[in-house]
Full PDB file with SEQRES, HELIX, SHEET, SSBOND, CRYST1, ORIGX, SCALE, CONECT and MASTER records, all heavy atoms in Angstrom:
SEQRES   1 A   26  PHE SER PHE GLU PRO VAL THR ASP VAL PRO VAL TYR HIS          
SEQRES   2 A   26  GLU ASP VAL ARG VAL TRP LYS VAL ASN ARG ALA GLY LYS          
SHEET    1 AA1 2 SER A   2  VAL A   6  0                                        
SHEET    2 AA1 2 VAL A  18  ASN A  22 -1                                        
CRYST1    1.000    1.000    1.000  90.00  90.00  90.00 P 1           1          
ORIGX1      1.000000  0.000000  0.000000        0.00000                         
ORIGX2      0.000000  1.000000  0.000000        0.00000                         
ORIGX3      0.000000  0.000000  1.000000        0.00000                         
SCALE1      1.000000  0.000000  0.000000        0.00000                         
SCALE2      0.000000  1.000000  0.000000        0.00000                         
SCALE3      0.000000  0.000000  1.000000        0.00000                         
ATOM      1  N   PHE A   1     -55.178 114.252 -40.282  1.00  0.00           N  
ATOM      2  CA  PHE A   1     -54.452 115.505 -40.140  1.00  0.00           C  
ATOM      3  C   PHE A   1     -55.411 116.695 -40.207  1.00  0.00           C  
ATOM      4  O   PHE A   1     -56.426 116.659 -40.889  1.00  0.00           O  
ATOM      5  CB  PHE A   1     -53.441 115.685 -41.273  1.00  0.00           C  
ATOM      6  CG  PHE A   1     -52.203 114.831 -41.176  1.00  0.00           C  
ATOM      7  CD1 PHE A   1     -51.241 114.871 -42.175  1.00  0.00           C  
ATOM      8  CD2 PHE A   1     -51.984 113.984 -40.105  1.00  0.00           C  
ATOM      9  CE1 PHE A   1     -50.096 114.110 -42.103  1.00  0.00           C  
ATOM     10  CE2 PHE A   1     -50.843 113.210 -40.026  1.00  0.00           C  
ATOM     11  CZ  PHE A   1     -49.895 113.276 -41.030  1.00  0.00           C  
ATOM     12  N   SER A   2     -55.035 117.778 -39.542  1.00  0.00           N  
ATOM     13  CA  SER A   2     -55.646 119.086 -39.769  1.00  0.00           C  
ATOM     14  C   SER A   2     -54.525 120.125 -39.769  1.00  0.00           C  
ATOM     15  O   SER A   2     -53.500 119.937 -39.108  1.00  0.00           O  
ATOM     16  CB  SER A   2     -56.689 119.416 -38.703  1.00  0.00           C  
ATOM     17  OG  SER A   2     -56.094 119.521 -37.421  1.00  0.00           O  
ATOM     18  N   PHE A   3     -54.734 121.210 -40.525  1.00  0.00           N  
ATOM     19  CA  PHE A   3     -53.679 122.198 -40.746  1.00  0.00           C  
ATOM     20  C   PHE A   3     -54.164 123.583 -40.349  1.00  0.00           C  
ATOM     21  O   PHE A   3     -55.259 124.004 -40.727  1.00  0.00           O  
ATOM     22  CB  PHE A   3     -53.251 122.197 -42.215  1.00  0.00           C  
ATOM     23  CG  PHE A   3     -52.589 120.926 -42.650  1.00  0.00           C  
ATOM     24  CD1 PHE A   3     -53.353 119.818 -42.997  1.00  0.00           C  
ATOM     25  CD2 PHE A   3     -51.212 120.825 -42.700  1.00  0.00           C  
ATOM     26  CE1 PHE A   3     -52.755 118.635 -43.388  1.00  0.00           C  
ATOM     27  CE2 PHE A   3     -50.603 119.650 -43.093  1.00  0.00           C  
ATOM     28  CZ  PHE A   3     -51.371 118.548 -43.434  1.00  0.00           C  
ATOM     29  N   GLU A   4     -53.321 124.279 -39.621  1.00  0.00           N  
ATOM     30  CA  GLU A   4     -53.642 125.626 -39.158  1.00  0.00           C  
ATOM     31  C   GLU A   4     -52.501 126.565 -39.551  1.00  0.00           C  
ATOM     32  O   GLU A   4     -51.365 126.391 -39.098  1.00  0.00           O  
ATOM     33  CB  GLU A   4     -53.814 125.616 -37.639  1.00  0.00           C  
ATOM     34  CG  GLU A   4     -54.135 126.958 -37.032  1.00  0.00           C  
ATOM     35  CD  GLU A   4     -54.177 126.889 -35.512  1.00  0.00           C  
ATOM     36  OE1 GLU A   4     -54.431 125.793 -34.964  1.00  0.00           O  
ATOM     37  OE2 GLU A   4     -53.945 127.931 -34.876  1.00  0.00           O  
ATOM     38  N   PRO A   5     -52.760 127.553 -40.414  1.00  0.00           N  
ATOM     39  CA  PRO A   5     -51.688 128.480 -40.805  1.00  0.00           C  
ATOM     40  C   PRO A   5     -51.137 129.226 -39.592  1.00  0.00           C  
ATOM     41  O   PRO A   5     -51.889 129.606 -38.693  1.00  0.00           O  
ATOM     42  CB  PRO A   5     -52.384 129.452 -41.770  1.00  0.00           C  
ATOM     43  CG  PRO A   5     -53.659 128.790 -42.152  1.00  0.00           C  
ATOM     44  CD  PRO A   5     -54.052 127.902 -41.016  1.00  0.00           C  
ATOM     45  N   VAL A   6     -49.837 129.416 -39.572  1.00  0.00           N  
ATOM     46  CA  VAL A   6     -49.213 130.174 -38.482  1.00  0.00           C  
ATOM     47  C   VAL A   6     -48.335 131.265 -39.081  1.00  0.00           C  
ATOM     48  O   VAL A   6     -47.743 131.097 -40.147  1.00  0.00           O  
ATOM     49  CB  VAL A   6     -48.384 129.269 -37.543  1.00  0.00           C  
ATOM     50  CG1 VAL A   6     -49.266 128.233 -36.878  1.00  0.00           C  
ATOM     51  CG2 VAL A   6     -47.237 128.594 -38.283  1.00  0.00           C  
ATOM     52  N   THR A   7     -48.260 132.366 -38.385  1.00  0.00           N  
ATOM     53  CA  THR A   7     -47.428 133.487 -38.829  1.00  0.00           C  
ATOM     54  C   THR A   7     -46.479 133.951 -37.733  1.00  0.00           C  
ATOM     55  O   THR A   7     -45.835 134.991 -37.876  1.00  0.00           O  
ATOM     56  CB  THR A   7     -48.320 134.669 -39.262  1.00  0.00           C  
ATOM     57  OG1 THR A   7     -49.178 135.031 -38.167  1.00  0.00           O  
ATOM     58  CG2 THR A   7     -49.170 134.306 -40.469  1.00  0.00           C  
ATOM     59  N   ASP A   8     -46.392 133.164 -36.663  1.00  0.00           N  
ATOM     60  CA  ASP A   8     -45.575 133.582 -35.527  1.00  0.00           C  
ATOM     61  C   ASP A   8     -44.207 132.907 -35.511  1.00  0.00           C  
ATOM     62  O   ASP A   8     -43.593 132.756 -34.463  1.00  0.00           O  
ATOM     63  CB  ASP A   8     -46.312 133.318 -34.207  1.00  0.00           C  
ATOM     64  CG  ASP A   8     -46.747 131.865 -34.053  1.00  0.00           C  
ATOM     65  OD1 ASP A   8     -46.683 131.111 -35.043  1.00  0.00           O  
ATOM     66  OD2 ASP A   8     -47.144 131.479 -32.931  1.00  0.00           O  
ATOM     67  N   VAL A   9     -43.736 132.479 -36.708  1.00  0.00           N  
ATOM     68  CA  VAL A   9     -42.398 131.888 -36.800  1.00  0.00           C  
ATOM     69  C   VAL A   9     -41.634 132.597 -37.915  1.00  0.00           C  
ATOM     70  O   VAL A   9     -42.230 133.025 -38.914  1.00  0.00           O  
ATOM     71  CB  VAL A   9     -42.458 130.375 -37.079  1.00  0.00           C  
ATOM     72  CG1 VAL A   9     -43.212 129.650 -35.973  1.00  0.00           C  
ATOM     73  CG2 VAL A   9     -43.077 130.068 -38.428  1.00  0.00           C  
ATOM     74  N   PRO A  10     -40.314 132.742 -37.773  1.00  0.00           N  
ATOM     75  CA  PRO A  10     -39.529 133.370 -38.843  1.00  0.00           C  
ATOM     76  C   PRO A  10     -39.451 132.452 -40.061  1.00  0.00           C  
ATOM     77  O   PRO A  10     -39.488 131.226 -39.928  1.00  0.00           O  
ATOM     78  CB  PRO A  10     -38.141 133.552 -38.219  1.00  0.00           C  
ATOM     79  CG  PRO A  10     -38.236 133.122 -36.811  1.00  0.00           C  
ATOM     80  CD  PRO A  10     -39.498 132.361 -36.622  1.00  0.00           C  
ATOM     81  N   VAL A  11     -39.342 133.034 -41.242  1.00  0.00           N  
ATOM     82  CA  VAL A  11     -39.132 132.276 -42.475  1.00  0.00           C  
ATOM     83  C   VAL A  11     -37.912 132.860 -43.183  1.00  0.00           C  
ATOM     84  O   VAL A  11     -37.514 133.992 -42.924  1.00  0.00           O  
ATOM     85  CB  VAL A  11     -40.365 132.314 -43.394  1.00  0.00           C  
ATOM     86  CG1 VAL A  11     -41.532 131.569 -42.756  1.00  0.00           C  
ATOM     87  CG2 VAL A  11     -40.770 133.744 -43.729  1.00  0.00           C  
ATOM     88  N   TYR A  12     -37.327 132.066 -44.086  1.00  0.00           N  
ATOM     89  CA  TYR A  12     -36.093 132.513 -44.740  1.00  0.00           C  
ATOM     90  C   TYR A  12     -36.362 133.278 -46.041  1.00  0.00           C  
ATOM     91  O   TYR A  12     -35.451 133.850 -46.638  1.00  0.00           O  
ATOM     92  CB  TYR A  12     -35.155 131.332 -45.012  1.00  0.00           C  
ATOM     93  CG  TYR A  12     -35.768 130.212 -45.816  1.00  0.00           C  
ATOM     94  CD1 TYR A  12     -35.812 130.256 -47.205  1.00  0.00           C  
ATOM     95  CD2 TYR A  12     -36.292 129.091 -45.193  1.00  0.00           C  
ATOM     96  CE1 TYR A  12     -36.369 129.236 -47.939  1.00  0.00           C  
ATOM     97  CE2 TYR A  12     -36.845 128.055 -45.920  1.00  0.00           C  
ATOM     98  CZ  TYR A  12     -36.878 128.135 -47.299  1.00  0.00           C  
ATOM     99  OH  TYR A  12     -37.435 127.105 -48.029  1.00  0.00           O  
ATOM    100  N   HIS A  13     -37.636 133.268 -46.510  1.00  0.00           N  
ATOM    101  CA  HIS A  13     -38.014 134.020 -47.708  1.00  0.00           C  
ATOM    102  C   HIS A  13     -39.495 134.331 -47.621  1.00  0.00           C  
ATOM    103  O   HIS A  13     -40.271 133.550 -47.065  1.00  0.00           O  
ATOM    104  CB  HIS A  13     -37.703 133.204 -48.973  1.00  0.00           C  
ATOM    105  CG  HIS A  13     -37.823 133.990 -50.244  1.00  0.00           C  
ATOM    106  ND1 HIS A  13     -39.022 134.187 -50.887  1.00  0.00           N  
ATOM    107  CD2 HIS A  13     -36.885 134.627 -50.994  1.00  0.00           C  
ATOM    108  CE1 HIS A  13     -38.820 134.919 -51.977  1.00  0.00           C  
ATOM    109  NE2 HIS A  13     -37.537 135.196 -52.066  1.00  0.00           N  
ATOM    110  N   GLU A  14     -39.878 135.437 -48.187  1.00  0.00           N  
ATOM    111  CA  GLU A  14     -41.278 135.867 -48.082  1.00  0.00           C  
ATOM    112  C   GLU A  14     -42.253 134.879 -48.731  1.00  0.00           C  
ATOM    113  O   GLU A  14     -43.450 134.877 -48.411  1.00  0.00           O  
ATOM    114  CB  GLU A  14     -41.450 137.244 -48.724  1.00  0.00           C  
ATOM    115  CG  GLU A  14     -41.123 137.277 -50.206  1.00  0.00           C  
ATOM    116  CD  GLU A  14     -41.250 138.666 -50.813  1.00  0.00           C  
ATOM    117  OE1 GLU A  14     -41.430 139.630 -50.054  1.00  0.00           O  
ATOM    118  OE2 GLU A  14     -41.155 138.777 -52.053  1.00  0.00           O  
ATOM    119  N   ASP A  15     -41.782 134.037 -49.640  1.00  0.00           N  
ATOM    120  CA  ASP A  15     -42.657 133.063 -50.298  1.00  0.00           C  
ATOM    121  C   ASP A  15     -43.024 131.883 -49.396  1.00  0.00           C  
ATOM    122  O   ASP A  15     -43.955 131.134 -49.701  1.00  0.00           O  
ATOM    123  CB  ASP A  15     -41.985 132.497 -51.556  1.00  0.00           C  
ATOM    124  CG  ASP A  15     -41.924 133.509 -52.690  1.00  0.00           C  
ATOM    125  OD1 ASP A  15     -42.698 134.482 -52.659  1.00  0.00           O  
ATOM    126  OD2 ASP A  15     -41.097 133.319 -53.607  1.00  0.00           O  
ATOM    127  N   VAL A  16     -42.279 131.682 -48.323  1.00  0.00           N  
ATOM    128  CA  VAL A  16     -42.475 130.499 -47.482  1.00  0.00           C  
ATOM    129  C   VAL A  16     -43.690 130.667 -46.581  1.00  0.00           C  
ATOM    130  O   VAL A  16     -43.852 131.697 -45.916  1.00  0.00           O  
ATOM    131  CB  VAL A  16     -41.219 130.228 -46.624  1.00  0.00           C  
ATOM    132  CG1 VAL A  16     -41.440 129.009 -45.720  1.00  0.00           C  
ATOM    133  CG2 VAL A  16     -40.004 130.010 -47.522  1.00  0.00           C  
ATOM    134  N   ARG A  17     -44.546 129.636 -46.570  1.00  0.00           N  
ATOM    135  CA  ARG A  17     -45.703 129.607 -45.674  1.00  0.00           C  
ATOM    136  C   ARG A  17     -45.559 128.439 -44.703  1.00  0.00           C  
ATOM    137  O   ARG A  17     -44.890 127.445 -45.006  1.00  0.00           O  
ATOM    138  CB  ARG A  17     -47.002 129.456 -46.480  1.00  0.00           C  
ATOM    139  CG  ARG A  17     -47.348 130.692 -47.303  1.00  0.00           C  
ATOM    140  CD  ARG A  17     -48.606 130.477 -48.123  1.00  0.00           C  
ATOM    141  NE  ARG A  17     -48.352 129.620 -49.278  1.00  0.00           N  
ATOM    142  CZ  ARG A  17     -49.311 129.075 -50.034  1.00  0.00           C  
ATOM    143  NH1 ARG A  17     -50.585 129.276 -49.725  1.00  0.00           N  
ATOM    144  NH2 ARG A  17     -48.998 128.327 -51.072  1.00  0.00           N  
ATOM    145  N   VAL A  18     -46.191 128.577 -43.537  1.00  0.00           N  
ATOM    146  CA  VAL A  18     -46.016 127.589 -42.472  1.00  0.00           C  
ATOM    147  C   VAL A  18     -47.377 127.209 -41.898  1.00  0.00           C  
ATOM    148  O   VAL A  18     -48.252 128.073 -41.729  1.00  0.00           O  
ATOM    149  CB  VAL A  18     -45.110 128.134 -41.342  1.00  0.00           C  
ATOM    150  CG1 VAL A  18     -44.794 127.028 -40.328  1.00  0.00           C  
ATOM    151  CG2 VAL A  18     -43.821 128.739 -41.907  1.00  0.00           C  
ATOM    152  N   TRP A  19     -47.534 125.916 -41.605  1.00  0.00           N  
ATOM    153  CA  TRP A  19     -48.759 125.414 -40.973  1.00  0.00           C  
ATOM    154  C   TRP A  19     -48.416 124.572 -39.750  1.00  0.00           C  
ATOM    155  O   TRP A  19     -47.413 123.832 -39.750  1.00  0.00           O  
ATOM    156  CB  TRP A  19     -49.547 124.529 -41.932  1.00  0.00           C  
ATOM    157  CG  TRP A  19     -50.243 125.230 -43.046  1.00  0.00           C  
ATOM    158  CD1 TRP A  19     -51.539 125.639 -43.088  1.00  0.00           C  
ATOM    159  CD2 TRP A  19     -49.686 125.594 -44.327  1.00  0.00           C  
ATOM    160  NE1 TRP A  19     -51.832 126.226 -44.290  1.00  0.00           N  
ATOM    161  CE2 TRP A  19     -50.715 126.214 -45.072  1.00  0.00           C  
ATOM    162  CE3 TRP A  19     -48.411 125.457 -44.902  1.00  0.00           C  
ATOM    163  CZ2 TRP A  19     -50.511 126.684 -46.366  1.00  0.00           C  
ATOM    164  CZ3 TRP A  19     -48.203 125.931 -46.179  1.00  0.00           C  
ATOM    165  CH2 TRP A  19     -49.246 126.540 -46.904  1.00  0.00           C  
ATOM    166  N   LYS A  20     -49.241 124.673 -38.745  1.00  0.00           N  
ATOM    167  CA  LYS A  20     -49.203 123.754 -37.613  1.00  0.00           C  
ATOM    168  C   LYS A  20     -50.032 122.536 -38.001  1.00  0.00           C  
ATOM    169  O   LYS A  20     -51.141 122.665 -38.508  1.00  0.00           O  
ATOM    170  CB  LYS A  20     -49.780 124.426 -36.360  1.00  0.00           C  
ATOM    171  CG  LYS A  20     -49.730 123.555 -35.119  1.00  0.00           C  
ATOM    172  CD  LYS A  20     -50.094 124.340 -33.862  1.00  0.00           C  
ATOM    173  CE  LYS A  20     -51.564 124.610 -33.773  1.00  0.00           C  
ATOM    174  NZ  LYS A  20     -51.975 125.162 -32.458  1.00  0.00           N  
ATOM    175  N   VAL A  21     -49.494 121.354 -37.746  1.00  0.00           N  
ATOM    176  CA  VAL A  21     -50.170 120.116 -38.133  1.00  0.00           C  
ATOM    177  C   VAL A  21     -50.652 119.399 -36.877  1.00  0.00           C  
ATOM    178  O   VAL A  21     -49.865 119.156 -35.948  1.00  0.00           O  
ATOM    179  CB  VAL A  21     -49.235 119.186 -38.934  1.00  0.00           C  
ATOM    180  CG1 VAL A  21     -50.020 117.992 -39.476  1.00  0.00           C  
ATOM    181  CG2 VAL A  21     -48.558 119.948 -40.068  1.00  0.00           C  
ATOM    182  N   ASN A  22     -51.941 119.081 -36.849  1.00  0.00           N  
ATOM    183  CA  ASN A  22     -52.545 118.380 -35.716  1.00  0.00           C  
ATOM    184  C   ASN A  22     -53.066 117.019 -36.158  1.00  0.00           C  
ATOM    185  O   ASN A  22     -53.446 116.827 -37.311  1.00  0.00           O  
ATOM    186  CB  ASN A  22     -53.700 119.191 -35.135  1.00  0.00           C  
ATOM    187  CG  ASN A  22     -53.258 120.545 -34.625  1.00  0.00           C  
ATOM    188  OD1 ASN A  22     -52.402 120.639 -33.755  1.00  0.00           O  
ATOM    189  ND2 ASN A  22     -53.827 121.603 -35.179  1.00  0.00           N  
ATOM    190  N   ARG A  23     -53.109 116.098 -35.195  1.00  0.00           N  
ATOM    191  CA  ARG A  23     -53.702 114.780 -35.441  1.00  0.00           C  
ATOM    192  C   ARG A  23     -54.292 114.273 -34.132  1.00  0.00           C  
ATOM    193  O   ARG A  23     -53.613 114.307 -33.096  1.00  0.00           O  
ATOM    194  CB  ARG A  23     -52.647 113.791 -35.973  1.00  0.00           C  
ATOM    195  CG  ARG A  23     -53.213 112.430 -36.362  1.00  0.00           C  
ATOM    196  CD  ARG A  23     -52.159 111.602 -37.096  1.00  0.00           C  
ATOM    197  NE  ARG A  23     -52.721 110.369 -37.618  1.00  0.00           N  
ATOM    198  CZ  ARG A  23     -52.489 109.162 -37.118  1.00  0.00           C  
ATOM    199  NH1 ARG A  23     -51.675 109.012 -36.070  1.00  0.00           N  
ATOM    200  NH2 ARG A  23     -53.062 108.100 -37.653  1.00  0.00           N  
ATOM    201  N   ALA A  24     -55.535 113.825 -34.187  1.00  0.00           N  
ATOM    202  CA  ALA A  24     -56.231 113.319 -32.998  1.00  0.00           C  
ATOM    203  C   ALA A  24     -56.201 114.344 -31.867  1.00  0.00           C  
ATOM    204  O   ALA A  24     -55.968 114.008 -30.701  1.00  0.00           O  
ATOM    205  CB  ALA A  24     -55.602 112.003 -32.545  1.00  0.00           C  
ATOM    206  N   GLY A  25     -56.390 115.619 -32.235  1.00  0.00           N  
ATOM    207  CA  GLY A  25     -56.452 116.675 -31.239  1.00  0.00           C  
ATOM    208  C   GLY A  25     -55.127 117.082 -30.644  1.00  0.00           C  
ATOM    209  O   GLY A  25     -55.080 117.829 -29.668  1.00  0.00           O  
ATOM    210  N   LYS A  26     -54.025 116.637 -31.256  1.00  0.00           N  
ATOM    211  CA  LYS A  26     -52.701 116.908 -30.704  1.00  0.00           C  
ATOM    212  C   LYS A  26     -51.774 117.399 -31.810  1.00  0.00           C  
ATOM    213  O   LYS A  26     -51.775 116.868 -32.915  1.00  0.00           O  
ATOM    214  CB  LYS A  26     -52.137 115.621 -30.080  1.00  0.00           C  
ATOM    215  CG  LYS A  26     -50.761 115.751 -29.486  1.00  0.00           C  
ATOM    216  CD  LYS A  26     -50.295 114.399 -28.938  1.00  0.00           C  
ATOM    217  CE  LYS A  26     -48.886 114.479 -28.382  1.00  0.00           C  
ATOM    218  NZ  LYS A  26     -48.399 113.153 -27.922  1.00  0.00           N  
TER     219      LYS A  26                                                      
MASTER        0    0    0    0    2    0    0    6  218    1    0    2          
END                                                                             
């Protein structure tokens, strides 16, 4: 796995953080 933080999605509370998850380049 590799993780990339994203900020281009809505969240339901300011505490929520989101990452895009990749595996084998996908």
